[in-house]
Amino acid sequence: EFSTARGAAMQWAAGITVMLLDHELFATLTPK
């Protein structure tokens, strides 16, 4: 539900997810 080719949502436990985002997509989340 939360995954695409540019990002994978990997669920560890209920309510805890690690989002693996390609650098280009990650860069849209922060100006840093």
Full PDB file with SEQRES, HELIX, SHEET, SSBOND, CRYST1, ORIGX, SCALE, CONECT and MASTER records, all heavy atoms in Angstrom:
SEQRES   1 A   32  GLU PHE SER THR ALA ARG GLY ALA ALA MET GLN TRP ALA          
SEQRES   2 A   32  ALA GLY ILE THR VAL MET LEU LEU ASP HIS GLU LEU PHE          
SEQRES   3 A   32  ALA THR LEU THR PRO LYS                                      
HELIX    1 AA1 HIS A   23  ALA A   27  1                                   5    
SHEET    1 AA1 2 GLY A   7  ALA A  13  0                                        
SHEET    2 AA1 2 ILE A  16  LEU A  21 -1                                        
CRYST1    1.000    1.000    1.000  90.00  90.00  90.00 P 1           1          
ORIGX1      1.000000  0.000000  0.000000        0.00000                         
ORIGX2      0.000000  1.000000  0.000000        0.00000                         
ORIGX3      0.000000  0.000000  1.000000        0.00000                         
SCALE1      1.000000  0.000000  0.000000        0.00000                         
SCALE2      0.000000  1.000000  0.000000        0.00000                         
SCALE3      0.000000  0.000000  1.000000        0.00000                         
ATOM      1  N   GLU A   1       0.821  -1.211   0.000  1.00  0.00           N  
ATOM      2  CA  GLU A   1       0.000   0.000   0.000  1.00  0.00           C  
ATOM      3  C   GLU A   1       0.860   1.268   0.000  1.00  0.00           C  
ATOM      4  O   GLU A   1       0.475   2.284  -0.574  1.00  0.00           O  
ATOM      5  CB  GLU A   1      -0.935  -0.009   1.215  1.00  0.00           C  
ATOM      6  CG  GLU A   1      -1.872   1.172   1.282  1.00  0.00           C  
ATOM      7  CD  GLU A   1      -2.800   1.151   2.488  1.00  0.00           C  
ATOM      8  OE1 GLU A   1      -2.658   0.264   3.352  1.00  0.00           O  
ATOM      9  OE2 GLU A   1      -3.665   2.029   2.563  1.00  0.00           O  
ATOM     10  N   PHE A   2       2.005   1.223   0.642  1.00  0.00           N  
ATOM     11  CA  PHE A   2       2.876   2.390   0.751  1.00  0.00           C  
ATOM     12  C   PHE A   2       4.156   2.250  -0.081  1.00  0.00           C  
ATOM     13  O   PHE A   2       5.105   2.997   0.135  1.00  0.00           O  
ATOM     14  CB  PHE A   2       3.245   2.649   2.217  1.00  0.00           C  
ATOM     15  CG  PHE A   2       2.102   3.151   3.045  1.00  0.00           C  
ATOM     16  CD1 PHE A   2       1.387   2.286   3.848  1.00  0.00           C  
ATOM     17  CD2 PHE A   2       1.728   4.482   3.017  1.00  0.00           C  
ATOM     18  CE1 PHE A   2       0.324   2.732   4.621  1.00  0.00           C  
ATOM     19  CE2 PHE A   2       0.668   4.951   3.784  1.00  0.00           C  
ATOM     20  CZ  PHE A   2      -0.035   4.065   4.587  1.00  0.00           C  
ATOM     21  N   SER A   3       4.210   1.321  -1.010  1.00  0.00           N  
ATOM     22  CA  SER A   3       5.424   1.066  -1.787  1.00  0.00           C  
ATOM     23  C   SER A   3       5.238   1.408  -3.263  1.00  0.00           C  
ATOM     24  O   SER A   3       4.148   1.258  -3.809  1.00  0.00           O  
ATOM     25  CB  SER A   3       5.839  -0.406  -1.663  1.00  0.00           C  
ATOM     26  OG  SER A   3       6.169  -0.724  -0.330  1.00  0.00           O  
ATOM     27  N   THR A   4       6.327   1.857  -3.870  1.00  0.00           N  
ATOM     28  CA  THR A   4       6.389   2.108  -5.316  1.00  0.00           C  
ATOM     29  C   THR A   4       7.761   1.652  -5.785  1.00  0.00           C  
ATOM     30  O   THR A   4       8.571   1.164  -4.985  1.00  0.00           O  
ATOM     31  CB  THR A   4       6.225   3.608  -5.640  1.00  0.00           C  
ATOM     32  OG1 THR A   4       7.378   4.323  -5.164  1.00  0.00           O  
ATOM     33  CG2 THR A   4       4.968   4.200  -5.016  1.00  0.00           C  
ATOM     34  N   ALA A   5       8.062   1.860  -7.037  1.00  0.00           N  
ATOM     35  CA  ALA A   5       9.392   1.528  -7.546  1.00  0.00           C  
ATOM     36  C   ALA A   5      10.464   2.431  -6.933  1.00  0.00           C  
ATOM     37  O   ALA A   5      11.625   2.051  -6.848  1.00  0.00           O  
ATOM     38  CB  ALA A   5       9.420   1.643  -9.066  1.00  0.00           C  
ATOM     39  N   ARG A   6      10.083   3.609  -6.459  1.00  0.00           N  
ATOM     40  CA  ARG A   6      11.041   4.574  -5.909  1.00  0.00           C  
ATOM     41  C   ARG A   6      11.141   4.530  -4.391  1.00  0.00           C  
ATOM     42  O   ARG A   6      11.988   5.197  -3.798  1.00  0.00           O  
ATOM     43  CB  ARG A   6      10.667   5.980  -6.360  1.00  0.00           C  
ATOM     44  CG  ARG A   6      10.760   6.091  -7.881  1.00  0.00           C  
ATOM     45  CD  ARG A   6      10.534   7.474  -8.377  1.00  0.00           C  
ATOM     46  NE  ARG A   6      11.421   8.400  -7.714  1.00  0.00           N  
ATOM     47  CZ  ARG A   6      11.121   9.688  -7.543  1.00  0.00           C  
ATOM     48  NH1 ARG A   6       9.973  10.168  -7.956  1.00  0.00           N  
ATOM     49  NH2 ARG A   6      11.970  10.493  -6.941  1.00  0.00           N  
ATOM     50  N   GLY A   7      10.256   3.748  -3.768  1.00  0.00           N  
ATOM     51  CA  GLY A   7      10.277   3.647  -2.312  1.00  0.00           C  
ATOM     52  C   GLY A   7       9.568   2.397  -1.845  1.00  0.00           C  
ATOM     53  O   GLY A   7       8.514   2.046  -2.366  1.00  0.00           O  
ATOM     54  N   ALA A   8      10.172   1.730  -0.885  1.00  0.00           N  
ATOM     55  CA  ALA A   8       9.575   0.512  -0.326  1.00  0.00           C  
ATOM     56  C   ALA A   8       9.270   0.733   1.144  1.00  0.00           C  
ATOM     57  O   ALA A   8      10.138   1.177   1.904  1.00  0.00           O  
ATOM     58  CB  ALA A   8      10.523  -0.673  -0.495  1.00  0.00           C  
ATOM     59  N   ALA A   9       8.043   0.426   1.522  1.00  0.00           N  
ATOM     60  CA  ALA A   9       7.628   0.498   2.920  1.00  0.00           C  
ATOM     61  C   ALA A   9       7.833  -0.885   3.526  1.00  0.00           C  
ATOM     62  O   ALA A   9       7.179  -1.843   3.140  1.00  0.00           O  
ATOM     63  CB  ALA A   9       6.164   0.912   3.022  1.00  0.00           C  
ATOM     64  N   MET A  10       8.758  -0.989   4.468  1.00  0.00           N  
ATOM     65  CA  MET A  10       9.092  -2.266   5.094  1.00  0.00           C  
ATOM     66  C   MET A  10       8.636  -2.208   6.548  1.00  0.00           C  
ATOM     67  O   MET A  10       9.185  -1.452   7.351  1.00  0.00           O  
ATOM     68  CB  MET A  10      10.588  -2.534   4.978  1.00  0.00           C  
ATOM     69  CG  MET A  10      11.118  -2.504   3.546  1.00  0.00           C  
ATOM     70  SD  MET A  10      10.369  -3.723   2.446  1.00  0.00           S  
ATOM     71  CE  MET A  10      11.018  -5.238   3.148  1.00  0.00           C  
ATOM     72  N   GLN A  11       7.628  -3.015   6.867  1.00  0.00           N  
ATOM     73  CA  GLN A  11       7.030  -2.973   8.201  1.00  0.00           C  
ATOM     74  C   GLN A  11       7.761  -3.903   9.158  1.00  0.00           C  
ATOM     75  O   GLN A  11       7.952  -5.086   8.886  1.00  0.00           O  
ATOM     76  CB  GLN A  11       5.558  -3.350   8.133  1.00  0.00           C  
ATOM     77  CG  GLN A  11       4.839  -3.062   9.424  1.00  0.00           C  
ATOM     78  CD  GLN A  11       3.326  -3.014   9.255  1.00  0.00           C  
ATOM     79  OE1 GLN A  11       2.791  -3.322   8.209  1.00  0.00           O  
ATOM     80  NE2 GLN A  11       2.653  -2.625  10.324  1.00  0.00           N  
ATOM     81  N   TRP A  12       8.171  -3.327  10.299  1.00  0.00           N  
ATOM     82  CA  TRP A  12       8.854  -4.083  11.345  1.00  0.00           C  
ATOM     83  C   TRP A  12       7.840  -4.678  12.314  1.00  0.00           C  
ATOM     84  O   TRP A  12       7.941  -5.821  12.717  1.00  0.00           O  
ATOM     85  CB  TRP A  12       9.828  -3.151  12.079  1.00  0.00           C  
ATOM     86  CG  TRP A  12      10.414  -3.715  13.322  1.00  0.00           C  
ATOM     87  CD1 TRP A  12      10.154  -3.331  14.602  1.00  0.00           C  
ATOM     88  CD2 TRP A  12      11.352  -4.790  13.426  1.00  0.00           C  
ATOM     89  NE1 TRP A  12      10.878  -4.087  15.488  1.00  0.00           N  
ATOM     90  CE2 TRP A  12      11.619  -4.989  14.786  1.00  0.00           C  
ATOM     91  CE3 TRP A  12      11.990  -5.600  12.496  1.00  0.00           C  
ATOM     92  CZ2 TRP A  12      12.497  -5.962  15.249  1.00  0.00           C  
ATOM     93  CZ3 TRP A  12      12.862  -6.571  12.945  1.00  0.00           C  
ATOM     94  CH2 TRP A  12      13.110  -6.742  14.307  1.00  0.00           C  
ATOM     95  N   ALA A  13       6.869  -3.879  12.702  1.00  0.00           N  
ATOM     96  CA  ALA A  13       5.821  -4.292  13.641  1.00  0.00           C  
ATOM     97  C   ALA A  13       4.627  -3.374  13.411  1.00  0.00           C  
ATOM     98  O   ALA A  13       4.733  -2.394  12.667  1.00  0.00           O  
ATOM     99  CB  ALA A  13       6.325  -4.171  15.079  1.00  0.00           C  
ATOM    100  N   ALA A  14       3.511  -3.675  14.034  1.00  0.00           N  
ATOM    101  CA  ALA A  14       2.346  -2.804  13.900  1.00  0.00           C  
ATOM    102  C   ALA A  14       2.739  -1.384  14.286  1.00  0.00           C  
ATOM    103  O   ALA A  14       3.232  -1.149  15.384  1.00  0.00           O  
ATOM    104  CB  ALA A  14       1.206  -3.303  14.772  1.00  0.00           C  
ATOM    105  N   GLY A  15       2.577  -0.471  13.378  1.00  0.00           N  
ATOM    106  CA  GLY A  15       2.877   0.926  13.660  1.00  0.00           C  
ATOM    107  C   GLY A  15       4.318   1.336  13.454  1.00  0.00           C  
ATOM    108  O   GLY A  15       4.649   2.499  13.669  1.00  0.00           O  
ATOM    109  N   ILE A  16       5.204   0.434  13.044  1.00  0.00           N  
ATOM    110  CA  ILE A  16       6.620   0.776  12.844  1.00  0.00           C  
ATOM    111  C   ILE A  16       7.030   0.342  11.443  1.00  0.00           C  
ATOM    112  O   ILE A  16       7.085  -0.849  11.141  1.00  0.00           O  
ATOM    113  CB  ILE A  16       7.526   0.110  13.890  1.00  0.00           C  
ATOM    114  CG1 ILE A  16       7.094   0.494  15.297  1.00  0.00           C  
ATOM    115  CG2 ILE A  16       8.990   0.486  13.629  1.00  0.00           C  
ATOM    116  CD1 ILE A  16       7.814  -0.269  16.394  1.00  0.00           C  
ATOM    117  N   THR A  17       7.306   1.339  10.598  1.00  0.00           N  
ATOM    118  CA  THR A  17       7.657   1.076   9.204  1.00  0.00           C  
ATOM    119  C   THR A  17       8.924   1.831   8.834  1.00  0.00           C  
ATOM    120  O   THR A  17       9.086   2.997   9.180  1.00  0.00           O  
ATOM    121  CB  THR A  17       6.512   1.521   8.269  1.00  0.00           C  
ATOM    122  OG1 THR A  17       5.313   0.825   8.638  1.00  0.00           O  
ATOM    123  CG2 THR A  17       6.830   1.237   6.817  1.00  0.00           C  
ATOM    124  N   VAL A  18       9.815   1.166   8.115  1.00  0.00           N  
ATOM    125  CA  VAL A  18      11.007   1.802   7.566  1.00  0.00           C  
ATOM    126  C   VAL A  18      10.731   2.056   6.091  1.00  0.00           C  
ATOM    127  O   VAL A  18      10.429   1.126   5.341  1.00  0.00           O  
ATOM    128  CB  VAL A  18      12.259   0.918   7.756  1.00  0.00           C  
ATOM    129  CG1 VAL A  18      13.467   1.533   7.067  1.00  0.00           C  
ATOM    130  CG2 VAL A  18      12.543   0.723   9.241  1.00  0.00           C  
ATOM    131  N   MET A  19      10.806   3.317   5.697  1.00  0.00           N  
ATOM    132  CA  MET A  19      10.605   3.711   4.308  1.00  0.00           C  
ATOM    133  C   MET A  19      11.970   3.808   3.633  1.00  0.00           C  
ATOM    134  O   MET A  19      12.813   4.603   4.042  1.00  0.00           O  
ATOM    135  CB  MET A  19       9.890   5.064   4.224  1.00  0.00           C  
ATOM    136  CG  MET A  19       8.499   5.089   4.831  1.00  0.00           C  
ATOM    137  SD  MET A  19       7.306   4.049   3.968  1.00  0.00           S  
ATOM    138  CE  MET A  19       7.250   4.803   2.365  1.00  0.00           C  
ATOM    139  N   LEU A  20      12.177   2.985   2.630  1.00  0.00           N  
ATOM    140  CA  LEU A  20      13.436   2.966   1.881  1.00  0.00           C  
ATOM    141  C   LEU A  20      13.198   3.759   0.597  1.00  0.00           C  
ATOM    142  O   LEU A  20      12.496   3.303  -0.300  1.00  0.00           O  
ATOM    143  CB  LEU A  20      13.839   1.530   1.576  1.00  0.00           C  
ATOM    144  CG  LEU A  20      13.906   0.606   2.799  1.00  0.00           C  
ATOM    145  CD1 LEU A  20      14.070  -0.839   2.371  1.00  0.00           C  
ATOM    146  CD2 LEU A  20      15.027   1.048   3.728  1.00  0.00           C  
ATOM    147  N   LEU A  21      13.765   4.954   0.513  1.00  0.00           N  
ATOM    148  CA  LEU A  21      13.476   5.872  -0.580  1.00  0.00           C  
ATOM    149  C   LEU A  21      14.718   6.119  -1.426  1.00  0.00           C  
ATOM    150  O   LEU A  21      15.805   6.354  -0.876  1.00  0.00           O  
ATOM    151  CB  LEU A  21      12.975   7.205  -0.019  1.00  0.00           C  
ATOM    152  CG  LEU A  21      11.807   7.127   0.969  1.00  0.00           C  
ATOM    153  CD1 LEU A  21      11.519   8.492   1.554  1.00  0.00           C  
ATOM    154  CD2 LEU A  21      10.584   6.522   0.313  1.00  0.00           C  
ATOM    155  N   ASP A  22      14.549   6.116  -2.764  1.00  0.00           N  
ATOM    156  CA  ASP A  22      15.702   6.457  -3.597  1.00  0.00           C  
ATOM    157  C   ASP A  22      16.098   7.906  -3.280  1.00  0.00           C  
ATOM    158  O   ASP A  22      15.312   8.685  -2.740  1.00  0.00           O  
ATOM    159  CB  ASP A  22      15.445   6.189  -5.082  1.00  0.00           C  
ATOM    160  CG  ASP A  22      14.439   7.113  -5.750  1.00  0.00           C  
ATOM    161  OD1 ASP A  22      14.224   8.263  -5.296  1.00  0.00           O  
ATOM    162  OD2 ASP A  22      13.860   6.679  -6.760  1.00  0.00           O  
ATOM    163  N   HIS A  23      17.325   8.261  -3.581  1.00  0.00           N  
ATOM    164  CA  HIS A  23      17.865   9.570  -3.186  1.00  0.00           C  
ATOM    165  C   HIS A  23      17.032  10.723  -3.738  1.00  0.00           C  
ATOM    166  O   HIS A  23      16.805  11.717  -3.037  1.00  0.00           O  
ATOM    167  CB  HIS A  23      19.325   9.689  -3.611  1.00  0.00           C  
ATOM    168  CG  HIS A  23      20.248   8.920  -2.727  1.00  0.00           C  
ATOM    169  ND1 HIS A  23      21.261   9.504  -2.017  1.00  0.00           N  
ATOM    170  CD2 HIS A  23      20.296   7.598  -2.432  1.00  0.00           C  
ATOM    171  CE1 HIS A  23      21.903   8.579  -1.314  1.00  0.00           C  
ATOM    172  NE2 HIS A  23      21.341   7.417  -1.555  1.00  0.00           N  
ATOM    173  N   GLU A  24      16.563  10.608  -4.962  1.00  0.00           N  
ATOM    174  CA  GLU A  24      15.766  11.679  -5.572  1.00  0.00           C  
ATOM    175  C   GLU A  24      14.459  11.888  -4.815  1.00  0.00           C  
ATOM    176  O   GLU A  24      14.070  13.017  -4.526  1.00  0.00           O  
ATOM    177  CB  GLU A  24      15.493  11.341  -7.035  1.00  0.00           C  
ATOM    178  CG  GLU A  24      14.788  12.450  -7.796  1.00  0.00           C  
ATOM    179  CD  GLU A  24      14.595  12.087  -9.258  1.00  0.00           C  
ATOM    180  OE1 GLU A  24      15.594  11.758  -9.923  1.00  0.00           O  
ATOM    181  OE2 GLU A  24      13.429  12.131  -9.706  1.00  0.00           O  
ATOM    182  N   LEU A  25      13.779  10.820  -4.474  1.00  0.00           N  
ATOM    183  CA  LEU A  25      12.532  10.933  -3.721  1.00  0.00           C  
ATOM    184  C   LEU A  25      12.798  11.431  -2.304  1.00  0.00           C  
ATOM    185  O   LEU A  25      12.082  12.304  -1.798  1.00  0.00           O  
ATOM    186  CB  LEU A  25      11.800   9.589  -3.684  1.00  0.00           C  
ATOM    187  CG  LEU A  25      10.455   9.559  -2.954  1.00  0.00           C  
ATOM    188  CD1 LEU A  25       9.482  10.590  -3.518  1.00  0.00           C  
ATOM    189  CD2 LEU A  25       9.860   8.157  -3.015  1.00  0.00           C  
ATOM    190  N   PHE A  26      13.840  10.918  -1.658  1.00  0.00           N  
ATOM    191  CA  PHE A  26      14.175  11.359  -0.305  1.00  0.00           C  
ATOM    192  C   PHE A  26      14.452  12.863  -0.293  1.00  0.00           C  
ATOM    193  O   PHE A  26      14.043  13.569   0.636  1.00  0.00           O  
ATOM    194  CB  PHE A  26      15.392  10.585   0.225  1.00  0.00           C  
ATOM    195  CG  PHE A  26      15.681  10.850   1.673  1.00  0.00           C  
ATOM    196  CD1 PHE A  26      15.098  10.084   2.672  1.00  0.00           C  
ATOM    197  CD2 PHE A  26      16.541  11.875   2.053  1.00  0.00           C  
ATOM    198  CE1 PHE A  26      15.355  10.335   4.018  1.00  0.00           C  
ATOM    199  CE2 PHE A  26      16.807  12.134   3.388  1.00  0.00           C  
ATOM    200  CZ  PHE A  26      16.213  11.361   4.369  1.00  0.00           C  
ATOM    201  N   ALA A  27      15.121  13.364  -1.322  1.00  0.00           N  
ATOM    202  CA  ALA A  27      15.474  14.787  -1.396  1.00  0.00           C  
ATOM    203  C   ALA A  27      14.243  15.687  -1.440  1.00  0.00           C  
ATOM    204  O   ALA A  27      14.335  16.865  -1.088  1.00  0.00           O  
ATOM    205  CB  ALA A  27      16.364  15.040  -2.602  1.00  0.00           C  
ATOM    206  N   THR A  28      13.082  15.161  -1.840  1.00  0.00           N  
ATOM    207  CA  THR A  28      11.864  15.979  -1.848  1.00  0.00           C  
ATOM    208  C   THR A  28      11.327  16.194  -0.436  1.00  0.00           C  
ATOM    209  O   THR A  28      10.458  17.040  -0.237  1.00  0.00           O  
ATOM    210  CB  THR A  28      10.756  15.349  -2.721  1.00  0.00           C  
ATOM    211  OG1 THR A  28      10.298  14.137  -2.113  1.00  0.00           O  
ATOM    212  CG2 THR A  28      11.230  15.097  -4.138  1.00  0.00           C  
ATOM    213  N   LEU A  29      11.826  15.457   0.546  1.00  0.00           N  
ATOM    214  CA  LEU A  29      11.345  15.558   1.927  1.00  0.00           C  
ATOM    215  C   LEU A  29      12.102  16.581   2.760  1.00  0.00           C  
ATOM    216  O   LEU A  29      11.663  16.937   3.852  1.00  0.00           O  
ATOM    217  CB  LEU A  29      11.445  14.192   2.621  1.00  0.00           C  
ATOM    218  CG  LEU A  29      10.681  13.045   1.967  1.00  0.00           C  
ATOM    219  CD1 LEU A  29      10.931  11.745   2.726  1.00  0.00           C  
ATOM    220  CD2 LEU A  29       9.199  13.355   1.885  1.00  0.00           C  
ATOM    221  N   THR A  30      13.257  17.021   2.272  1.00  0.00           N  
ATOM    222  CA  THR A  30      14.088  17.922   3.063  1.00  0.00           C  
ATOM    223  C   THR A  30      14.940  18.812   2.158  1.00  0.00           C  
ATOM    224  O   THR A  30      15.394  18.360   1.103  1.00  0.00           O  
ATOM    225  CB  THR A  30      15.021  17.122   4.011  1.00  0.00           C  
ATOM    226  OG1 THR A  30      15.837  18.041   4.755  1.00  0.00           O  
ATOM    227  CG2 THR A  30      15.903  16.151   3.260  1.00  0.00           C  
ATOM    228  N   PRO A  31      15.179  20.051   2.581  1.00  0.00           N  
ATOM    229  CA  PRO A  31      16.083  20.904   1.807  1.00  0.00           C  
ATOM    230  C   PRO A  31      17.558  20.646   2.154  1.00  0.00           C  
ATOM    231  O   PRO A  31      18.450  21.168   1.496  1.00  0.00           O  
ATOM    232  CB  PRO A  31      15.666  22.322   2.228  1.00  0.00           C  
ATOM    233  CG  PRO A  31      15.162  22.145   3.630  1.00  0.00           C  
ATOM    234  CD  PRO A  31      14.500  20.782   3.648  1.00  0.00           C  
ATOM    235  N   LYS A  32      17.801  19.810   3.172  1.00  0.00           N  
ATOM    236  CA  LYS A  32      19.169  19.549   3.615  1.00  0.00           C  
ATOM    237  C   LYS A  32      19.873  18.558   2.691  1.00  0.00           C  
ATOM    238  O   LYS A  32      19.232  17.722   2.052  1.00  0.00           O  
ATOM    239  CB  LYS A  32      19.174  18.997   5.040  1.00  0.00           C  
ATOM    240  CG  LYS A  32      18.691  19.975   6.074  1.00  0.00           C  
ATOM    241  CD  LYS A  32      18.748  19.345   7.450  1.00  0.00           C  
ATOM    242  CE  LYS A  32      18.283  20.306   8.518  1.00  0.00           C  
ATOM    243  NZ  LYS A  32      18.370  19.690   9.852  1.00  0.00           N  
TER     244      LYS A  32                                                      
MASTER        0    0    0    1    2    0    0    6  243    1    0    3          
END                                                                             
